[in-house]
Amino acid sequence: MNDFINLYKENLIAKNKSNNTIEAYITDIVGYYNFLKENNIDPLENDYSVNCYVQAITETKSVKSIERCVIALRSYYRFLSDKNLVKEVPKFPKVDRNERRDIGPILTVEEVEKIINCIDISNIKGVRDRAVLEMLYGTGIKATEAISLTVDDVNLDLNFITCKDGRGLERIIPFGRAARNAIIEYLSQREKISKDEKMLFLNLNGKGLTRQGVWRIVKEYNEKASIKKIINLNTLRHSFAIHLLENGANPKIVQQLMGTHVMNYMDLYFDYVSKDKVNISYNNFHPRA
């Protein structure tokens, strides 16, 4: 890929682009390839890889930075297409210029249960898949955080995981009975896949599960459950947050559970919380209600 990037850089220089523009574009493209490498995503899956990257950076970058990344990548892929180095330019997701980000469709509690209940747990794949989905929904962690968990990060005595985000910030997140039972069952069968691998969630070849692998799990059972909503890798995470808020959880606690990068979404979460739920929470918790 370095050869492609160097060719593209020479093309930008030939077009008399400013040094700042060239540096910014190359930085964005290198960041894109680093992301693909870290998450074991095939760069040849153009539509998938681009969408994964744009979705990931919406958690940490401003709208202007996201727009610049998309412009840089679109320009890069057009160059590759013109040189017949790729078959086609991938379809890029639209970036909402409104600072308020779209969190997409939210699953109801019943829809989450429908997805998890449709998993066939008579085999190791189904047992693992249920553990993955229960962990995503039961803790609100991101897919990249889930695939980074090791066996030692799970405390089944006190029911919590130790999780690190992309910036290395550590947080402790509790999980409930459903996630605990799913993890216990998975760990009891995990040795059938591998006895040596330290990562918690494994693919059937005994290697750590990838972000792409998690997406396939989410997509598979969403389709099996006949959920009509177009979900993404963050759907269970956002549903976790909103379901907590709807049941009266302290917003500050929700933010701490999900990590500081969720701050940009808190206002959007409140938009989803029904007024009836707000009234119930008021009546239950206000001392003068």
Protein backbone atom coordinates (compact mmCIF):
# COMPACT_ATOMS: atom_id res chain seq x y z
CA MET A 1 0.00 0.00 0.00
CA ASN A 2 2.95 2.34 0.58
CA ASP A 3 3.66 2.27 -3.16
CA PHE A 4 0.08 3.36 -3.89
CA ILE A 5 0.32 6.17 -1.35
CA ASN A 6 3.62 7.36 -2.79
CA LEU A 7 2.15 7.38 -6.31
CA TYR A 8 -0.83 9.35 -5.04
CA LYS A 9 1.45 11.83 -3.27
CA GLU A 10 3.41 12.38 -6.48
CA ASN A 11 0.11 12.98 -8.26
CA LEU A 12 -0.87 15.64 -5.70
CA ILE A 13 2.51 17.33 -6.11
CA ALA A 14 2.10 17.30 -9.90
CA LYS A 15 -1.28 19.01 -9.46
CA ASN A 16 0.43 21.79 -7.45
CA LYS A 17 -1.54 21.07 -4.31
CA SER A 18 -0.33 23.01 -1.27
CA ASN A 19 2.03 21.33 1.18
CA ASN A 20 -0.62 21.55 3.89
CA THR A 21 -3.19 19.82 1.69
CA ILE A 22 -0.77 17.07 0.70
CA GLU A 23 0.27 16.49 4.31
CA ALA A 24 -3.35 16.39 5.50
CA TYR A 25 -4.48 13.98 2.76
CA ILE A 26 -1.55 11.61 3.25
CA THR A 27 -2.05 11.66 7.03
CA ASP A 28 -5.72 10.73 6.58
CA ILE A 29 -4.91 7.91 4.16
CA VAL A 30 -2.17 6.50 6.38
CA GLY A 31 -4.58 6.67 9.32
CA TYR A 32 -7.14 4.77 7.26
CA TYR A 33 -4.71 1.96 6.42
CA ASN A 34 -3.50 1.78 10.02
CA PHE A 35 -7.10 1.36 11.15
CA LEU A 36 -7.67 -1.46 8.64
CA LYS A 37 -4.50 -3.22 9.78
CA GLU A 38 -5.32 -2.90 13.49
CA ASN A 39 -8.80 -4.31 12.92
CA ASN A 40 -7.83 -7.01 10.40
CA ILE A 41 -10.05 -5.53 7.70
CA ASP A 42 -9.26 -6.36 4.10
CA PRO A 43 -8.49 -3.07 2.26
CA LEU A 44 -9.85 -4.63 -0.94
CA GLU A 45 -13.36 -4.71 0.55
CA ASN A 46 -13.68 -1.08 -0.44
CA ASP A 47 -17.27 -0.26 0.56
CA TYR A 48 -17.02 -2.18 3.82
CA SER A 49 -13.58 -0.87 4.80
CA VAL A 50 -14.45 2.76 4.10
CA ASN A 51 -17.74 2.56 5.98
CA CYS A 52 -16.05 0.89 8.96
CA TYR A 53 -13.43 3.64 9.10
CA VAL A 54 -15.85 6.54 8.79
CA GLN A 55 -18.10 4.98 11.42
CA ALA A 56 -15.13 4.56 13.78
CA ILE A 57 -13.81 8.11 13.48
CA THR A 58 -17.23 9.64 14.19
CA GLU A 59 -16.55 8.62 17.81
CA THR A 60 -13.43 10.79 18.12
CA LYS A 61 -13.21 13.39 15.34
CA SER A 62 -15.09 16.61 14.67
CA VAL A 63 -17.44 16.85 11.71
CA LYS A 64 -14.92 18.99 9.81
CA SER A 65 -12.19 16.41 10.34
CA ILE A 66 -14.50 13.61 9.20
CA GLU A 67 -15.41 15.57 6.07
CA ARG A 68 -11.72 16.09 5.30
CA CYS A 69 -11.02 12.37 5.72
CA VAL A 70 -13.84 11.49 3.35
CA ILE A 71 -12.63 14.02 0.77
CA ALA A 72 -9.07 12.67 1.03
CA LEU A 73 -10.13 9.04 0.69
CA ARG A 74 -12.50 9.77 -2.20
CA SER A 75 -9.70 11.61 -4.03
CA TYR A 76 -7.31 8.74 -3.31
CA TYR A 77 -9.69 6.06 -4.57
CA ARG A 78 -10.47 8.07 -7.71
CA PHE A 79 -6.74 8.23 -8.40
CA LEU A 80 -6.43 4.45 -7.90
CA SER A 81 -9.43 3.88 -10.18
CA ASP A 82 -7.97 6.09 -12.90
CA LYS A 83 -4.76 4.04 -12.73
CA ASN A 84 -6.78 0.79 -12.83
CA LEU A 85 -5.40 -0.15 -9.40
CA VAL A 86 -8.90 -0.74 -8.01
CA LYS A 87 -12.04 -1.84 -9.81
CA GLU A 88 -14.26 0.97 -8.56
CA VAL A 89 -14.51 3.92 -6.22
CA PRO A 90 -16.32 2.87 -3.03
CA LYS A 91 -19.56 4.48 -1.94
CA PHE A 92 -18.86 6.90 0.87
CA PRO A 93 -21.36 7.55 3.67
CA LYS A 94 -22.78 11.04 3.86
CA VAL A 95 -21.39 13.25 6.60
CA ASP A 96 -23.98 15.33 8.39
CA ARG A 97 -22.63 18.85 8.67
CA ASN A 98 -24.83 19.39 11.68
CA GLU A 99 -22.69 18.93 14.78
CA ARG A 100 -25.43 16.73 16.23
CA ARG A 101 -24.50 13.23 15.14
CA ASP A 102 -26.92 10.58 14.03
CA ILE A 103 -26.90 7.47 16.21
CA GLY A 104 -29.13 5.55 13.82
CA PRO A 105 -32.03 3.26 14.71
CA ILE A 106 -32.38 2.15 18.31
CA LEU A 107 -33.54 -1.34 19.22
CA THR A 108 -36.29 -1.84 21.76
CA VAL A 109 -35.70 -4.21 24.67
CA GLU A 110 -38.03 -6.69 22.95
CA GLU A 111 -36.03 -6.49 19.71
CA VAL A 112 -32.76 -7.12 21.55
CA GLU A 113 -34.30 -10.16 23.23
CA LYS A 114 -35.62 -11.38 19.88
CA ILE A 115 -32.14 -11.16 18.34
CA ILE A 116 -30.45 -13.00 21.20
CA ASN A 117 -33.18 -15.63 21.52
CA CYS A 118 -32.88 -16.63 17.86
CA ILE A 119 -29.30 -17.82 18.33
CA ASP A 120 -28.83 -21.57 18.08
CA ILE A 121 -26.67 -22.40 21.12
CA SER A 122 -26.38 -26.11 20.36
CA ASN A 123 -22.91 -25.48 18.90
CA ILE A 124 -19.80 -23.55 19.90
CA LYS A 125 -20.38 -20.84 17.28
CA GLY A 126 -23.80 -20.03 18.65
CA VAL A 127 -22.53 -20.08 22.24
CA ARG A 128 -19.78 -17.64 21.29
CA ASP A 129 -22.11 -15.42 19.28
CA ARG A 130 -24.54 -15.14 22.18
CA ALA A 131 -21.68 -14.24 24.53
CA VAL A 132 -20.51 -11.53 22.11
CA LEU A 133 -23.99 -9.98 21.75
CA GLU A 134 -24.73 -10.21 25.48
CA MET A 135 -21.43 -8.48 26.22
CA LEU A 136 -22.03 -5.71 23.68
CA TYR A 137 -25.53 -5.03 24.97
CA GLY A 138 -24.78 -5.77 28.63
CA THR A 139 -21.85 -3.35 28.91
CA GLY A 140 -22.26 -0.84 26.08
CA ILE A 141 -18.68 -1.31 24.92
CA LYS A 142 -17.62 -0.70 21.33
CA ALA A 143 -16.84 -3.57 18.98
CA THR A 144 -13.15 -2.60 18.96
CA GLU A 145 -13.15 -2.74 22.76
CA ALA A 146 -14.90 -6.11 22.79
CA ILE A 147 -12.34 -7.73 20.49
CA SER A 148 -9.53 -6.30 22.63
CA LEU A 149 -10.77 -8.03 25.80
CA THR A 150 -8.64 -10.82 27.20
CA VAL A 151 -9.82 -13.66 29.40
CA ASP A 152 -8.12 -11.93 32.35
CA ASP A 153 -10.18 -8.76 31.75
CA VAL A 154 -13.35 -10.59 32.86
CA ASN A 155 -14.09 -10.88 36.58
CA LEU A 156 -16.86 -13.43 37.08
CA ASP A 157 -16.69 -13.21 40.88
CA LEU A 158 -17.71 -9.54 40.94
CA ASN A 159 -19.31 -9.37 37.48
CA PHE A 160 -17.28 -6.67 35.76
CA ILE A 161 -14.87 -6.24 32.88
CA THR A 162 -11.77 -4.07 32.68
CA CYS A 163 -11.88 -2.26 29.36
CA LYS A 164 -9.47 0.07 27.56
CA ASP A 165 -10.61 2.47 24.86
CA GLY A 166 -8.65 3.50 21.77
CA ARG A 167 -6.72 6.09 23.76
CA GLY A 168 -5.66 3.62 26.42
CA LEU A 169 -8.04 4.98 29.06
CA GLU A 170 -9.18 2.19 31.36
CA ARG A 171 -12.63 1.83 32.86
CA ILE A 172 -14.42 -0.84 34.86
CA ILE A 173 -17.88 -1.83 33.64
CA PRO A 174 -20.32 -4.12 35.46
CA PHE A 175 -22.47 -6.63 33.62
CA GLY A 176 -25.66 -8.44 34.53
CA ARG A 177 -26.87 -11.99 34.95
CA ALA A 178 -27.61 -12.62 31.27
CA ALA A 179 -24.13 -11.60 30.14
CA ARG A 180 -22.54 -13.53 33.01
CA ASN A 181 -24.37 -16.74 32.14
CA ALA A 182 -23.48 -16.38 28.45
CA ILE A 183 -19.80 -15.79 29.24
CA ILE A 184 -19.65 -18.74 31.66
CA GLU A 185 -21.15 -21.05 29.05
CA TYR A 186 -18.78 -19.73 26.37
CA LEU A 187 -15.69 -20.12 28.58
CA SER A 188 -16.71 -23.71 29.38
CA GLN A 189 -16.52 -24.51 25.65
CA ARG A 190 -13.83 -22.06 24.54
CA GLU A 191 -11.02 -24.63 24.90
CA LYS A 192 -12.56 -26.52 21.99
CA ILE A 193 -11.33 -23.63 19.84
CA SER A 194 -8.04 -22.76 21.56
CA LYS A 195 -6.32 -23.35 24.89
CA ASP A 196 -3.50 -20.85 24.36
CA GLU A 197 -4.97 -17.69 22.84
CA LYS A 198 -5.36 -14.96 25.48
CA MET A 199 -8.03 -12.95 23.66
CA LEU A 200 -11.53 -13.54 25.06
CA PHE A 201 -13.52 -13.78 21.84
CA LEU A 202 -12.10 -16.12 19.22
CA ASN A 203 -13.01 -17.00 15.67
CA LEU A 204 -13.42 -20.68 14.84
CA ASN A 205 -9.77 -20.88 13.77
CA GLY A 206 -8.62 -20.05 17.29
CA LYS A 207 -7.54 -16.47 16.58
CA GLY A 208 -8.88 -13.29 18.10
CA LEU A 209 -12.22 -12.20 16.67
CA THR A 210 -12.00 -9.14 14.39
CA ARG A 211 -14.24 -6.12 14.09
CA GLN A 212 -15.41 -7.53 10.76
CA GLY A 213 -16.24 -10.80 12.52
CA VAL A 214 -18.32 -8.98 15.12
CA TRP A 215 -20.18 -7.16 12.35
CA ARG A 216 -21.02 -10.47 10.70
CA ILE A 217 -22.43 -11.76 13.99
CA VAL A 218 -24.57 -8.65 14.54
CA LYS A 219 -25.82 -8.68 10.96
CA GLU A 220 -26.54 -12.43 10.92
CA TYR A 221 -28.83 -12.45 13.94
CA ASN A 222 -30.47 -9.14 13.11
CA GLU A 223 -31.55 -10.75 9.82
CA LYS A 224 -32.54 -14.05 11.48
CA ALA A 225 -34.73 -12.16 13.95
CA SER A 226 -36.33 -10.31 11.00
CA ILE A 227 -35.60 -6.91 12.52
CA LYS A 228 -36.33 -4.39 9.78
CA LYS A 229 -34.13 -1.63 11.16
CA ILE A 230 -30.82 -0.99 9.40
CA ILE A 231 -28.42 -1.42 12.30
CA ASN A 232 -24.66 -0.94 12.61
CA LEU A 233 -21.90 -1.99 14.99
CA ASN A 234 -22.86 0.71 17.48
CA THR A 235 -26.59 -0.06 17.58
CA LEU A 236 -26.41 -2.33 20.64
CA ARG A 237 -24.12 0.17 22.36
CA HIS A 238 -26.50 3.08 21.83
CA SER A 239 -29.50 0.93 22.77
CA PHE A 240 -27.73 0.04 26.02
CA ALA A 241 -27.33 3.72 26.91
CA ILE A 242 -30.89 4.70 26.04
CA HIS A 243 -32.44 1.75 27.88
CA LEU A 244 -30.49 2.73 31.00
CA LEU A 245 -31.64 6.35 30.74
CA GLU A 246 -35.24 5.30 30.15
CA ASN A 247 -35.12 3.32 33.36
CA GLY A 248 -33.88 6.27 35.39
CA ALA A 249 -30.11 5.79 35.33
CA ASN A 250 -27.95 8.79 36.21
CA PRO A 251 -26.66 10.30 32.92
CA LYS A 252 -23.23 10.86 34.47
CA ILE A 253 -22.99 7.15 35.33
CA VAL A 254 -24.06 6.19 31.80
CA GLN A 255 -21.36 8.46 30.40
CA GLN A 256 -18.73 6.94 32.69
CA LEU A 257 -19.73 3.40 31.72
CA MET A 258 -19.43 4.15 28.02
CA GLY A 259 -16.30 6.31 28.19
CA THR A 260 -15.65 10.00 27.72
CA HIS A 261 -15.96 9.81 23.91
CA VAL A 262 -19.73 9.34 24.30
CA MET A 263 -20.21 12.98 25.37
CA ASN A 264 -21.10 14.00 21.82
CA TYR A 265 -24.07 11.63 21.89
CA MET A 266 -25.67 12.43 25.24
CA ASP A 267 -28.09 15.05 23.86
CA LEU A 268 -29.17 12.63 21.16
CA TYR A 269 -29.80 9.95 23.76
CA PHE A 270 -32.13 12.27 25.64
CA ASP A 271 -34.08 12.87 22.43
CA TYR A 272 -34.92 9.17 22.39
CA VAL A 273 -36.05 8.97 25.99
CA SER A 274 -39.82 9.20 25.98
CA LYS A 275 -41.55 11.92 27.97
CA ASP A 276 -43.52 9.24 29.82
CA LYS A 277 -40.28 7.69 31.05
CA VAL A 278 -39.03 11.11 32.12
CA ASN A 279 -42.22 11.71 34.10
CA ILE A 280 -41.94 8.29 35.75
CA SER A 281 -38.33 8.96 36.70
CA TYR A 282 -39.32 12.35 38.13
CA ASN A 283 -42.12 10.86 40.20
CA ASN A 284 -39.89 8.04 41.46
CA PHE A 285 -36.83 10.05 42.37
CA HIS A 286 -37.76 13.65 43.15
CA PRO A 287 -38.25 14.15 46.91
CA ARG A 288 -41.19 16.53 46.41
CA ALA A 289 -42.91 14.64 43.61
